[in-house]
Amino acid sequence: MSALEDMLQLMRSKHDDLNARLGVMPEERMGDVGSWGQRQMPSRNMFYQMINHEVERTVYVMKTLLGLSIHPTEAQIILSRL
């Protein structure tokens, strides 16, 4: 594997691990308040912040790829959204 492939695999692994740990959050705990940076907010809002971050990063990656004249196929775009 190349260094880039190793890094991508590590990122996927960490992403999957985080999703597994967060995925067991019981419904009744979604209103619990915790720290998000310097702010306090309910866990539910933290989950929504993660969605916003994912969308932001996706747009940034797509913009970077287009700037490098790398045009993903329709199948790649669809799969990237899963």
PDB file of N, CA and C in Angstrom:
ATOM      1  N   MET A   1       0.832  -1.187   0.000  1.00  0.00           N
ATOM      2  CA  MET A   1       0.000   0.000   0.000  1.00  0.00           C
ATOM      3  C   MET A   1       0.875   1.247   0.000  1.00  0.00           C
ATOM      4  N   SER A   2       0.383   2.286  -0.641  1.00  0.00           N
ATOM      5  CA  SER A   2       1.104   3.555  -0.631  1.00  0.00           C
ATOM      6  C   SER A   2       0.816   4.291   0.680  1.00  0.00           C
ATOM      7  N   ALA A   3       1.584   5.322   0.938  1.00  0.00           N
ATOM      8  CA  ALA A   3       1.374   6.117   2.149  1.00  0.00           C
ATOM      9  C   ALA A   3      -0.029   6.734   2.149  1.00  0.00           C
ATOM     10  N   LEU A   4      -0.505   7.158   0.978  1.00  0.00           N
ATOM     11  CA  LEU A   4      -1.850   7.732   0.886  1.00  0.00           C
ATOM     12  C   LEU A   4      -2.907   6.680   1.204  1.00  0.00           C
ATOM     13  N   GLU A   5      -2.747   5.486   0.650  1.00  0.00           N
ATOM     14  CA  GLU A   5      -3.708   4.417   0.934  1.00  0.00           C
ATOM     15  C   GLU A   5      -3.698   4.049   2.418  1.00  0.00           C
ATOM     16  N   ASP A   6      -2.520   4.032   3.017  1.00  0.00           N
ATOM     17  CA  ASP A   6      -2.423   3.764   4.457  1.00  0.00           C
ATOM     18  C   ASP A   6      -3.164   4.824   5.261  1.00  0.00           C
ATOM     19  N   MET A   7      -2.978   6.082   4.883  1.00  0.00           N
ATOM     20  CA  MET A   7      -3.637   7.181   5.588  1.00  0.00           C
ATOM     21  C   MET A   7      -5.151   7.100   5.422  1.00  0.00           C
ATOM     22  N   LEU A   8      -5.616   6.819   4.217  1.00  0.00           N
ATOM     23  CA  LEU A   8      -7.056   6.689   3.988  1.00  0.00           C
ATOM     24  C   LEU A   8      -7.642   5.533   4.787  1.00  0.00           C
ATOM     25  N   GLN A   9      -6.934   4.421   4.853  1.00  0.00           N
ATOM     26  CA  GLN A   9      -7.400   3.279   5.630  1.00  0.00           C
ATOM     27  C   GLN A   9      -7.479   3.629   7.118  1.00  0.00           C
ATOM     28  N   LEU A  10      -6.487   4.338   7.622  1.00  0.00           N
ATOM     29  CA  LEU A  10      -6.504   4.770   9.019  1.00  0.00           C
ATOM     30  C   LEU A  10      -7.685   5.697   9.280  1.00  0.00           C
ATOM     31  N   MET A  11      -7.927   6.636   8.366  1.00  0.00           N
ATOM     32  CA  MET A  11      -9.053   7.561   8.522  1.00  0.00           C
ATOM     33  C   MET A  11     -10.379   6.809   8.505  1.00  0.00           C
ATOM     34  N   ARG A  12     -10.522   5.848   7.586  1.00  0.00           N
ATOM     35  CA  ARG A  12     -11.753   5.047   7.530  1.00  0.00           C
ATOM     36  C   ARG A  12     -11.946   4.264   8.826  1.00  0.00           C
ATOM     37  N   SER A  13     -10.876   3.698   9.328  1.00  0.00           N
ATOM     38  CA  SER A  13     -10.939   2.919  10.559  1.00  0.00           C
ATOM     39  C   SER A  13     -11.383   3.781  11.731  1.00  0.00           C
ATOM     40  N   LYS A  14     -10.796   4.964  11.856  1.00  0.00           N
ATOM     41  CA  LYS A  14     -11.168   5.874  12.951  1.00  0.00           C
ATOM     42  C   LYS A  14     -12.613   6.339  12.796  1.00  0.00           C
ATOM     43  N   HIS A  15     -13.034   6.620  11.569  1.00  0.00           N
ATOM     44  CA  HIS A  15     -14.406   7.030  11.295  1.00  0.00           C
ATOM     45  C   HIS A  15     -15.377   5.922  11.695  1.00  0.00           C
ATOM     46  N   ASP A  16     -15.083   4.693  11.281  1.00  0.00           N
ATOM     47  CA  ASP A  16     -15.950   3.559  11.601  1.00  0.00           C
ATOM     48  C   ASP A  16     -16.003   3.314  13.106  1.00  0.00           C
ATOM     49  N   ASP A  17     -14.870   3.443  13.792  1.00  0.00           N
ATOM     50  CA  ASP A  17     -14.826   3.245  15.239  1.00  0.00           C
ATOM     51  C   ASP A  17     -15.674   4.296  15.952  1.00  0.00           C
ATOM     52  N   LEU A  18     -15.548   5.555  15.534  1.00  0.00           N
ATOM     53  CA  LEU A  18     -16.345   6.620  16.147  1.00  0.00           C
ATOM     54  C   LEU A  18     -17.830   6.372  15.927  1.00  0.00           C
ATOM     55  N   ASN A  19     -18.205   6.007  14.691  1.00  0.00           N
ATOM     56  CA  ASN A  19     -19.614   5.731  14.419  1.00  0.00           C
ATOM     57  C   ASN A  19     -20.143   4.580  15.266  1.00  0.00           C
ATOM     58  N   ALA A  20     -19.341   3.554  15.449  1.00  0.00           N
ATOM     59  CA  ALA A  20     -19.764   2.409  16.262  1.00  0.00           C
ATOM     60  C   ALA A  20     -19.982   2.830  17.712  1.00  0.00           C
ATOM     61  N   ARG A  21     -19.069   3.646  18.237  1.00  0.00           N
ATOM     62  CA  ARG A  21     -19.202   4.066  19.640  1.00  0.00           C
ATOM     63  C   ARG A  21     -20.367   5.028  19.842  1.00  0.00           C
ATOM     64  N   LEU A  22     -20.569   5.938  18.892  1.00  0.00           N
ATOM     65  CA  LEU A  22     -21.673   6.890  19.015  1.00  0.00           C
ATOM     66  C   LEU A  22     -23.023   6.260  18.700  1.00  0.00           C
ATOM     67  N   GLY A  23     -23.015   5.209  17.893  1.00  0.00           N
ATOM     68  CA  GLY A  23     -24.252   4.576  17.469  1.00  0.00           C
ATOM     69  C   GLY A  23     -25.042   3.899  18.574  1.00  0.00           C
ATOM     70  N   VAL A  24     -24.442   3.713  19.725  1.00  0.00           N
ATOM     71  CA  VAL A  24     -25.143   3.063  20.831  1.00  0.00           C
ATOM     72  C   VAL A  24     -25.762   4.077  21.800  1.00  0.00           C
ATOM     73  N   MET A  25     -25.737   5.358  21.420  1.00  0.00           N
ATOM     74  CA  MET A  25     -26.326   6.402  22.276  1.00  0.00           C
ATOM     75  C   MET A  25     -27.828   6.153  22.414  1.00  0.00           C
ATOM     76  N   PRO A  26     -28.305   5.918  23.641  1.00  0.00           N
ATOM     77  CA  PRO A  26     -29.737   5.666  23.815  1.00  0.00           C
ATOM     78  C   PRO A  26     -30.554   6.943  23.564  1.00  0.00           C
ATOM     79  N   GLU A  27     -31.745   6.753  23.053  1.00  0.00           N
ATOM     80  CA  GLU A  27     -32.635   7.875  22.726  1.00  0.00           C
ATOM     81  C   GLU A  27     -32.826   8.818  23.917  1.00  0.00           C
ATOM     82  N   GLU A  28     -32.981   8.242  25.099  1.00  0.00           N
ATOM     83  CA  GLU A  28     -33.254   9.073  26.278  1.00  0.00           C
ATOM     84  C   GLU A  28     -32.060   9.932  26.698  1.00  0.00           C
ATOM     85  N   ARG A  29     -30.877   9.689  26.139  1.00  0.00           N
ATOM     86  CA  ARG A  29     -29.683  10.477  26.482  1.00  0.00           C
ATOM     87  C   ARG A  29     -29.393  11.588  25.461  1.00  0.00           C
ATOM     88  N   MET A  30     -30.178  11.638  24.375  1.00  0.00           N
ATOM     89  CA  MET A  30     -29.915  12.617  23.317  1.00  0.00           C
ATOM     90  C   MET A  30     -30.069  14.062  23.790  1.00  0.00           C
ATOM     91  N   GLY A  31     -30.770  14.280  24.889  1.00  0.00           N
ATOM     92  CA  GLY A  31     -30.934  15.628  25.430  1.00  0.00           C
ATOM     93  C   GLY A  31     -29.887  16.003  26.457  1.00  0.00           C
ATOM     94  N   ASP A  32     -29.032  15.053  26.850  1.00  0.00           N
ATOM     95  CA  ASP A  32     -27.978  15.350  27.823  1.00  0.00           C
ATOM     96  C   ASP A  32     -27.064  16.445  27.289  1.00  0.00           C
ATOM     97  N   VAL A  33     -26.685  17.353  28.164  1.00  0.00           N
ATOM     98  CA  VAL A  33     -25.843  18.480  27.770  1.00  0.00           C
ATOM     99  C   VAL A  33     -24.384  18.142  28.023  1.00  0.00           C
ATOM    100  N   GLY A  34     -23.537  18.522  27.074  1.00  0.00           N
ATOM    101  CA  GLY A  34     -22.099  18.310  27.198  1.00  0.00           C
ATOM    102  C   GLY A  34     -21.348  19.424  26.489  1.00  0.00           C
ATOM    103  N   SER A  35     -20.037  19.360  26.537  1.00  0.00           N
ATOM    104  CA  SER A  35     -19.192  20.390  25.927  1.00  0.00           C
ATOM    105  C   SER A  35     -18.961  20.096  24.452  1.00  0.00           C
ATOM    106  N   TRP A  36     -19.068  21.135  23.644  1.00  0.00           N
ATOM    107  CA  TRP A  36     -18.705  21.095  22.231  1.00  0.00           C
ATOM    108  C   TRP A  36     -17.811  22.309  22.028  1.00  0.00           C
ATOM    109  N   GLY A  37     -16.520  22.067  22.084  1.00  0.00           N
ATOM    110  CA  GLY A  37     -15.586  23.200  22.056  1.00  0.00           C
ATOM    111  C   GLY A  37     -15.769  24.027  23.315  1.00  0.00           C
ATOM    112  N   GLN A  38     -16.045  25.288  23.142  1.00  0.00           N
ATOM    113  CA  GLN A  38     -16.259  26.193  24.282  1.00  0.00           C
ATOM    114  C   GLN A  38     -17.729  26.311  24.658  1.00  0.00           C
ATOM    115  N   ARG A  39     -18.595  25.610  23.943  1.00  0.00           N
ATOM    116  CA  ARG A  39     -20.033  25.733  24.188  1.00  0.00           C
ATOM    117  C   ARG A  39     -20.592  24.491  24.860  1.00  0.00           C
ATOM    118  N   GLN A  40     -21.724  24.676  25.505  1.00  0.00           N
ATOM    119  CA  GLN A  40     -22.498  23.579  26.074  1.00  0.00           C
ATOM    120  C   GLN A  40     -23.723  23.382  25.192  1.00  0.00           C
ATOM    121  N   MET A  41     -24.008  22.123  24.848  1.00  0.00           N
ATOM    122  CA  MET A  41     -25.186  21.851  24.025  1.00  0.00           C
ATOM    123  C   MET A  41     -25.639  20.415  24.240  1.00  0.00           C
ATOM    124  N   PRO A  42     -26.909  20.152  23.904  1.00  0.00           N
ATOM    125  CA  PRO A  42     -27.415  18.786  24.006  1.00  0.00           C
ATOM    126  C   PRO A  42     -26.686  17.859  23.027  1.00  0.00           C
ATOM    127  N   SER A  43     -26.596  16.596  23.393  1.00  0.00           N
ATOM    128  CA  SER A  43     -25.960  15.592  22.534  1.00  0.00           C
ATOM    129  C   SER A  43     -26.577  15.589  21.146  1.00  0.00           C
ATOM    130  N   ARG A  44     -27.891  15.738  21.075  1.00  0.00           N
ATOM    131  CA  ARG A  44     -28.596  15.763  19.785  1.00  0.00           C
ATOM    132  C   ARG A  44     -27.986  16.826  18.863  1.00  0.00           C
ATOM    133  N   ASN A  45     -27.747  18.016  19.399  1.00  0.00           N
ATOM    134  CA  ASN A  45     -27.169  19.092  18.598  1.00  0.00           C
ATOM    135  C   ASN A  45     -25.748  18.743  18.144  1.00  0.00           C
ATOM    136  N   MET A  46     -25.013  18.012  18.980  1.00  0.00           N
ATOM    137  CA  MET A  46     -23.664  17.595  18.603  1.00  0.00           C
ATOM    138  C   MET A  46     -23.716  16.662  17.398  1.00  0.00           C
ATOM    139  N   PHE A  47     -24.693  15.748  17.386  1.00  0.00           N
ATOM    140  CA  PHE A  47     -24.853  14.853  16.248  1.00  0.00           C
ATOM    141  C   PHE A  47     -25.142  15.663  14.987  1.00  0.00           C
ATOM    142  N   TYR A  48     -26.013  16.669  15.100  1.00  0.00           N
ATOM    143  CA  TYR A  48     -26.319  17.511  13.936  1.00  0.00           C
ATOM    144  C   TYR A  48     -25.109  18.325  13.502  1.00  0.00           C
ATOM    145  N   GLN A  49     -24.290  18.746  14.444  1.00  0.00           N
ATOM    146  CA  GLN A  49     -23.053  19.458  14.089  1.00  0.00           C
ATOM    147  C   GLN A  49     -22.130  18.551  13.278  1.00  0.00           C
ATOM    148  N   MET A  50     -22.101  17.261  13.621  1.00  0.00           N
ATOM    149  CA  MET A  50     -21.265  16.320  12.870  1.00  0.00           C
ATOM    150  C   MET A  50     -21.758  16.185  11.429  1.00  0.00           C
ATOM    151  N   ILE A  51     -23.085  16.184  11.242  1.00  0.00           N
ATOM    152  CA  ILE A  51     -23.631  16.127   9.887  1.00  0.00           C
ATOM    153  C   ILE A  51     -23.197  17.355   9.106  1.00  0.00           C
ATOM    154  N   ASN A  52     -23.317  18.521   9.719  1.00  0.00           N
ATOM    155  CA  ASN A  52     -22.921  19.756   9.053  1.00  0.00           C
ATOM    156  C   ASN A  52     -21.452  19.716   8.655  1.00  0.00           C
ATOM    157  N   HIS A  53     -20.614  19.193   9.540  1.00  0.00           N
ATOM    158  CA  HIS A  53     -19.183  19.115   9.257  1.00  0.00           C
ATOM    159  C   HIS A  53     -18.923  18.179   8.076  1.00  0.00           C
ATOM    160  N   GLU A  54     -19.613  17.043   8.031  1.00  0.00           N
ATOM    161  CA  GLU A  54     -19.445  16.094   6.927  1.00  0.00           C
ATOM    162  C   GLU A  54     -19.815  16.737   5.598  1.00  0.00           C
ATOM    163  N   VAL A  55     -20.915  17.479   5.580  1.00  0.00           N
ATOM    164  CA  VAL A  55     -21.337  18.151   4.346  1.00  0.00           C
ATOM    165  C   VAL A  55     -20.295  19.181   3.936  1.00  0.00           C
ATOM    166  N   GLU A  56     -19.828  19.965   4.883  1.00  0.00           N
ATOM    167  CA  GLU A  56     -18.809  20.981   4.602  1.00  0.00           C
ATOM    168  C   GLU A  56     -17.549  20.343   4.017  1.00  0.00           C
ATOM    169  N   ARG A  57     -17.072  19.261   4.624  1.00  0.00           N
ATOM    170  CA  ARG A  57     -15.867  18.578   4.137  1.00  0.00           C
ATOM    171  C   ARG A  57     -16.089  17.978   2.754  1.00  0.00           C
ATOM    172  N   THR A  58     -17.280  17.445   2.507  1.00  0.00           N
ATOM    173  CA  THR A  58     -17.586  16.864   1.198  1.00  0.00           C
ATOM    174  C   THR A  58     -17.515  17.929   0.112  1.00  0.00           C
ATOM    175  N   VAL A  59     -18.092  19.090   0.380  1.00  0.00           N
ATOM    176  CA  VAL A  59     -18.036  20.183  -0.593  1.00  0.00           C
ATOM    177  C   VAL A  59     -16.591  20.595  -0.830  1.00  0.00           C
ATOM    178  N   TYR A  60     -15.814  20.690   0.216  1.00  0.00           N
ATOM    179  CA  TYR A  60     -14.407  21.085   0.089  1.00  0.00           C
ATOM    180  C   TYR A  60     -13.619  20.065  -0.751  1.00  0.00           C
ATOM    181  N   VAL A  61     -13.846  18.786  -0.487  1.00  0.00           N
ATOM    182  CA  VAL A  61     -13.141  17.746  -1.248  1.00  0.00           C
ATOM    183  C   VAL A  61     -13.542  17.795  -2.719  1.00  0.00           C
ATOM    184  N   MET A  62     -14.841  17.930  -2.996  1.00  0.00           N
ATOM    185  CA  MET A  62     -15.297  17.996  -4.388  1.00  0.00           C
ATOM    186  C   MET A  62     -14.686  19.207  -5.093  1.00  0.00           C
ATOM    187  N   LYS A  63     -14.657  20.343  -4.414  1.00  0.00           N
ATOM    188  CA  LYS A  63     -14.067  21.555  -4.988  1.00  0.00           C
ATOM    189  C   LYS A  63     -12.575  21.345  -5.279  1.00  0.00           C
ATOM    190  N   THR A  64     -11.872  20.706  -4.362  1.00  0.00           N
ATOM    191  CA  THR A  64     -10.447  20.434  -4.546  1.00  0.00           C
ATOM    192  C   THR A  64     -10.222  19.502  -5.721  1.00  0.00           C
ATOM    193  N   LEU A  65     -11.021  18.433  -5.814  1.00  0.00           N
ATOM    194  CA  LEU A  65     -10.886  17.498  -6.933  1.00  0.00           C
ATOM    195  C   LEU A  65     -11.115  18.199  -8.273  1.00  0.00           C
ATOM    196  N   LEU A  66     -12.143  19.029  -8.339  1.00  0.00           N
ATOM    197  CA  LEU A  66     -12.418  19.747  -9.582  1.00  0.00           C
ATOM    198  C   LEU A  66     -11.278  20.703  -9.916  1.00  0.00           C
ATOM    199  N   GLY A  67     -10.705  21.342  -8.894  1.00  0.00           N
ATOM    200  CA  GLY A  67      -9.567  22.234  -9.099  1.00  0.00           C
ATOM    201  C   GLY A  67      -8.350  21.499  -9.629  1.00  0.00           C
ATOM    202  N   LEU A  68      -8.265  20.218  -9.329  1.00  0.00           N
ATOM    203  CA  LEU A  68      -7.158  19.385  -9.816  1.00  0.00           C
ATOM    204  C   LEU A  68      -7.526  18.676 -11.126  1.00  0.00           C
ATOM    205  N   SER A  69      -8.664  19.061 -11.700  1.00  0.00           N
ATOM    206  CA  SER A  69      -9.189  18.448 -12.928  1.00  0.00           C
ATOM    207  C   SER A  69      -9.447  16.954 -12.767  1.00  0.00           C
ATOM    208  N   ILE A  70      -9.854  16.559 -11.558  1.00  0.00           N
ATOM    209  CA  ILE A  70     -10.247  15.176 -11.286  1.00  0.00           C
ATOM    210  C   ILE A  70     -11.769  15.172 -11.192  1.00  0.00           C
ATOM    211  N   HIS A  71     -12.400  14.506 -12.135  1.00  0.00           N
ATOM    212  CA  HIS A  71     -13.854  14.507 -12.205  1.00  0.00           C
ATOM    213  C   HIS A  71     -14.387  13.122 -11.866  1.00  0.00           C
ATOM    214  N   PRO A  72     -14.960  12.974 -10.653  1.00  0.00           N
ATOM    215  CA  PRO A  72     -15.485  11.663 -10.279  1.00  0.00           C
ATOM    216  C   PRO A  72     -16.647  11.252 -11.186  1.00  0.00           C
ATOM    217  N   THR A  73     -16.797   9.954 -11.360  1.00  0.00           N
ATOM    218  CA  THR A  73     -17.905   9.431 -12.148  1.00  0.00           C
ATOM    219  C   THR A  73     -19.201   9.551 -11.342  1.00  0.00           C
ATOM    220  N   GLU A  74     -20.315   9.380 -12.014  1.00  0.00           N
ATOM    221  CA  GLU A  74     -21.603   9.423 -11.327  1.00  0.00           C
ATOM    222  C   GLU A  74     -21.659   8.368 -10.227  1.00  0.00           C
ATOM    223  N   ALA A  75     -21.173   7.166 -10.535  1.00  0.00           N
ATOM    224  CA  ALA A  75     -21.173   6.093  -9.535  1.00  0.00           C
ATOM    225  C   ALA A  75     -20.334   6.484  -8.322  1.00  0.00           C
ATOM    226  N   GLN A  76     -19.180   7.096  -8.541  1.00  0.00           N
ATOM    227  CA  GLN A  76     -18.317   7.509  -7.425  1.00  0.00           C
ATOM    228  C   GLN A  76     -18.998   8.576  -6.572  1.00  0.00           C
ATOM    229  N   ILE A  77     -19.689   9.501  -7.214  1.00  0.00           N
ATOM    230  CA  ILE A  77     -20.395  10.550  -6.467  1.00  0.00           C
ATOM    231  C   ILE A  77     -21.486   9.938  -5.607  1.00  0.00           C
ATOM    232  N   ILE A  78     -22.274   9.022  -6.203  1.00  0.00           N
ATOM    233  CA  ILE A  78     -23.355   8.383  -5.446  1.00  0.00           C
ATOM    234  C   ILE A  78     -22.782   7.597  -4.268  1.00  0.00           C
ATOM    235  N   LEU A  79     -21.763   6.814  -4.518  1.00  0.00           N
ATOM    236  CA  LEU A  79     -21.168   6.000  -3.435  1.00  0.00           C
ATOM    237  C   LEU A  79     -20.542   6.867  -2.361  1.00  0.00           C
ATOM    238  N   SER A  80     -20.024   8.023  -2.704  1.00  0.00           N
ATOM    239  CA  SER A  80     -19.421   8.893  -1.701  1.00  0.00           C
ATOM    240  C   SER A  80     -20.455   9.458  -0.738  1.00  0.00           C
ATOM    241  N   ARG A  81     -21.707   9.468  -1.156  1.00  0.00           N
ATOM    242  CA  ARG A  81     -22.777  10.001  -0.300  1.00  0.00           C
ATOM    243  C   ARG A  81     -23.320   8.952   0.671  1.00  0.00           C
ATOM    244  N   LEU A  82     -22.950   7.695   0.489  1.00  0.00           N
ATOM    245  CA  LEU A  82     -23.467   6.633   1.378  1.00  0.00           C
ATOM    246  C   LEU A  82     -22.727   6.617   2.694  1.00  0.00           C
TER     247      LEU A  82
END
